[in-house]
Amino acid sequence: MRIANDNHWQKKHWQAIRSAYGSAPFFEFYADKFQPVYEKQFKLLFDFNLLLLQTTLFSIKLRSKFHLTECYEEQRIDTIDLRKDKSV
């Protein structure tokens, strides 16, 4: 999904986050890590979301590894798709 950067949505989003959480404990500590993400221009929403995920994982010191697929996989053979399991 391409991002329409002409309406400054990232700046507005960051201002809304700052307004809603600015007085929360530790906000300023985490704000320094996330504000640069919102100041950077992206062409694709995926790239923005990926950097947000990486920033979040780094900020909470969760060293989780994930791998991106090369192409869309409806369902991998070696996994169970729990989205279709209604009993969960």
C-alpha atoms as a PDB file:
ATOM      1  CA  MET A   1       0.000   0.000   0.000  1.00  0.00           C
ATOM      2  CA  ARG A   2       1.500   3.323  -1.046  1.00  0.00           C
ATOM      3  CA  ILE A   3       1.392   6.202   1.431  1.00  0.00           C
ATOM      4  CA  ALA A   4      -0.097   9.563   0.481  1.00  0.00           C
ATOM      5  CA  ASN A   5       2.420  11.864   2.158  1.00  0.00           C
ATOM      6  CA  ASP A   6       0.827  15.073   0.889  1.00  0.00           C
ATOM      7  CA  ASN A   7      -1.535  15.403   3.890  1.00  0.00           C
ATOM      8  CA  HIS A   8       1.180  15.094   6.599  1.00  0.00           C
ATOM      9  CA  TRP A   9      -0.614  12.201   8.301  1.00  0.00           C
ATOM     10  CA  GLN A  10       2.502  11.079  10.189  1.00  0.00           C
ATOM     11  CA  LYS A  11       2.929  14.498  11.796  1.00  0.00           C
ATOM     12  CA  LYS A  12      -0.759  14.538  12.780  1.00  0.00           C
ATOM     13  CA  HIS A  13      -0.538  10.986  14.132  1.00  0.00           C
ATOM     14  CA  TRP A  14       2.530  11.810  16.220  1.00  0.00           C
ATOM     15  CA  GLN A  15       0.828  14.943  17.592  1.00  0.00           C
ATOM     16  CA  ALA A  16      -2.201  12.840  18.559  1.00  0.00           C
ATOM     17  CA  ILE A  17       0.017  10.291  20.323  1.00  0.00           C
ATOM     18  CA  ARG A  18       1.882  13.070  22.140  1.00  0.00           C
ATOM     19  CA  SER A  19      -1.420  14.690  23.151  1.00  0.00           C
ATOM     20  CA  ALA A  20      -2.926  11.428  24.407  1.00  0.00           C
ATOM     21  CA  TYR A  21       0.136   9.963  26.135  1.00  0.00           C
ATOM     22  CA  GLY A  22       2.425  12.952  26.762  1.00  0.00           C
ATOM     23  CA  SER A  23       1.829  12.943  30.519  1.00  0.00           C
ATOM     24  CA  ALA A  24       2.050   9.154  30.862  1.00  0.00           C
ATOM     25  CA  PRO A  25       4.951   7.702  32.857  1.00  0.00           C
ATOM     26  CA  PHE A  26       7.997   6.981  30.692  1.00  0.00           C
ATOM     27  CA  PHE A  27       6.466   8.653  27.612  1.00  0.00           C
ATOM     28  CA  GLU A  28       9.464  10.936  27.118  1.00  0.00           C
ATOM     29  CA  PHE A  29      11.825   7.970  27.382  1.00  0.00           C
ATOM     30  CA  TYR A  30      10.043   6.136  24.568  1.00  0.00           C
ATOM     31  CA  ALA A  31       9.153   9.256  22.581  1.00  0.00           C
ATOM     32  CA  ASP A  32      12.825   9.777  21.764  1.00  0.00           C
ATOM     33  CA  LYS A  33      12.863   6.372  20.081  1.00  0.00           C
ATOM     34  CA  PHE A  34       9.576   6.665  18.158  1.00  0.00           C
ATOM     35  CA  GLN A  35       9.525  10.299  17.053  1.00  0.00           C
ATOM     36  CA  PRO A  36      12.213   9.764  14.374  1.00  0.00           C
ATOM     37  CA  VAL A  37      10.053   7.020  12.833  1.00  0.00           C
ATOM     38  CA  TYR A  38       7.198   9.490  12.468  1.00  0.00           C
ATOM     39  CA  GLU A  39       9.512  12.137  10.984  1.00  0.00           C
ATOM     40  CA  LYS A  40      10.836   9.833   8.268  1.00  0.00           C
ATOM     41  CA  GLN A  41       9.019   9.704   4.928  1.00  0.00           C
ATOM     42  CA  PHE A  42       8.064   6.285   3.584  1.00  0.00           C
ATOM     43  CA  LYS A  43       6.710   5.239   0.221  1.00  0.00           C
ATOM     44  CA  LEU A  44       5.037   2.068   1.498  1.00  0.00           C
ATOM     45  CA  LEU A  45       2.922   1.501   4.604  1.00  0.00           C
ATOM     46  CA  PHE A  46       4.653  -1.861   5.046  1.00  0.00           C
ATOM     47  CA  ASP A  47       8.025  -0.148   5.496  1.00  0.00           C
ATOM     48  CA  PHE A  48       6.601   2.256   8.070  1.00  0.00           C
ATOM     49  CA  ASN A  49       4.954  -0.593  10.008  1.00  0.00           C
ATOM     50  CA  LEU A  50       8.090  -2.722   9.846  1.00  0.00           C
ATOM     51  CA  LEU A  51      10.226   0.064  11.316  1.00  0.00           C
ATOM     52  CA  LEU A  52       7.620   0.652  14.042  1.00  0.00           C
ATOM     53  CA  LEU A  53       7.706  -3.058  14.894  1.00  0.00           C
ATOM     54  CA  GLN A  54      11.516  -3.106  14.974  1.00  0.00           C
ATOM     55  CA  THR A  55      11.599   0.048  17.107  1.00  0.00           C
ATOM     56  CA  THR A  56       9.068  -1.411  19.535  1.00  0.00           C
ATOM     57  CA  LEU A  57      10.933  -4.708  19.894  1.00  0.00           C
ATOM     58  CA  PHE A  58      14.242  -2.888  20.406  1.00  0.00           C
ATOM     59  CA  SER A  59      12.698  -0.459  22.922  1.00  0.00           C
ATOM     60  CA  ILE A  60      11.338  -3.203  25.139  1.00  0.00           C
ATOM     61  CA  LYS A  61      14.543  -5.206  24.719  1.00  0.00           C
ATOM     62  CA  LEU A  62      12.749  -8.135  23.124  1.00  0.00           C
ATOM     63  CA  ARG A  63      15.282  -9.807  20.874  1.00  0.00           C
ATOM     64  CA  SER A  64      12.763 -11.689  18.786  1.00  0.00           C
ATOM     65  CA  LYS A  65      13.787 -12.784  15.316  1.00  0.00           C
ATOM     66  CA  PHE A  66      11.364 -12.771  12.460  1.00  0.00           C
ATOM     67  CA  HIS A  67      11.786 -13.415   8.779  1.00  0.00           C
ATOM     68  CA  LEU A  68       9.982 -11.884   5.876  1.00  0.00           C
ATOM     69  CA  THR A  69       8.705 -14.115   3.108  1.00  0.00           C
ATOM     70  CA  GLU A  70       9.724 -13.540  -0.487  1.00  0.00           C
ATOM     71  CA  CYS A  71       6.151 -13.927  -1.698  1.00  0.00           C
ATOM     72  CA  TYR A  72       2.635 -14.300  -0.338  1.00  0.00           C
ATOM     73  CA  GLU A  73       1.986 -17.713   1.160  1.00  0.00           C
ATOM     74  CA  GLU A  74      -1.684 -18.467   1.740  1.00  0.00           C
ATOM     75  CA  GLN A  75      -0.790 -21.239   4.158  1.00  0.00           C
ATOM     76  CA  ARG A  76       2.577 -22.793   4.822  1.00  0.00           C
ATOM     77  CA  ILE A  77       2.678 -26.568   4.864  1.00  0.00           C
ATOM     78  CA  ASP A  78       4.656 -26.754   8.136  1.00  0.00           C
ATOM     79  CA  THR A  79       2.289 -24.548  10.199  1.00  0.00           C
ATOM     80  CA  ILE A  80      -1.211 -24.558  11.617  1.00  0.00           C
ATOM     81  CA  ASP A  81      -3.430 -21.611  10.716  1.00  0.00           C
ATOM     82  CA  LEU A  82      -5.239 -20.814  13.975  1.00  0.00           C
ATOM     83  CA  ARG A  83      -7.271 -18.048  12.337  1.00  0.00           C
ATOM     84  CA  LYS A  84      -9.604 -20.705  10.933  1.00  0.00           C
ATOM     85  CA  ASP A  85      -9.945 -22.658  14.203  1.00  0.00           C
ATOM     86  CA  LYS A  86     -13.213 -21.477  15.799  1.00  0.00           C
ATOM     87  CA  SER A  87     -12.627 -23.430  19.028  1.00  0.00           C
ATOM     88  CA  VAL A  88      -9.768 -21.170  20.181  1.00  0.00           C
END
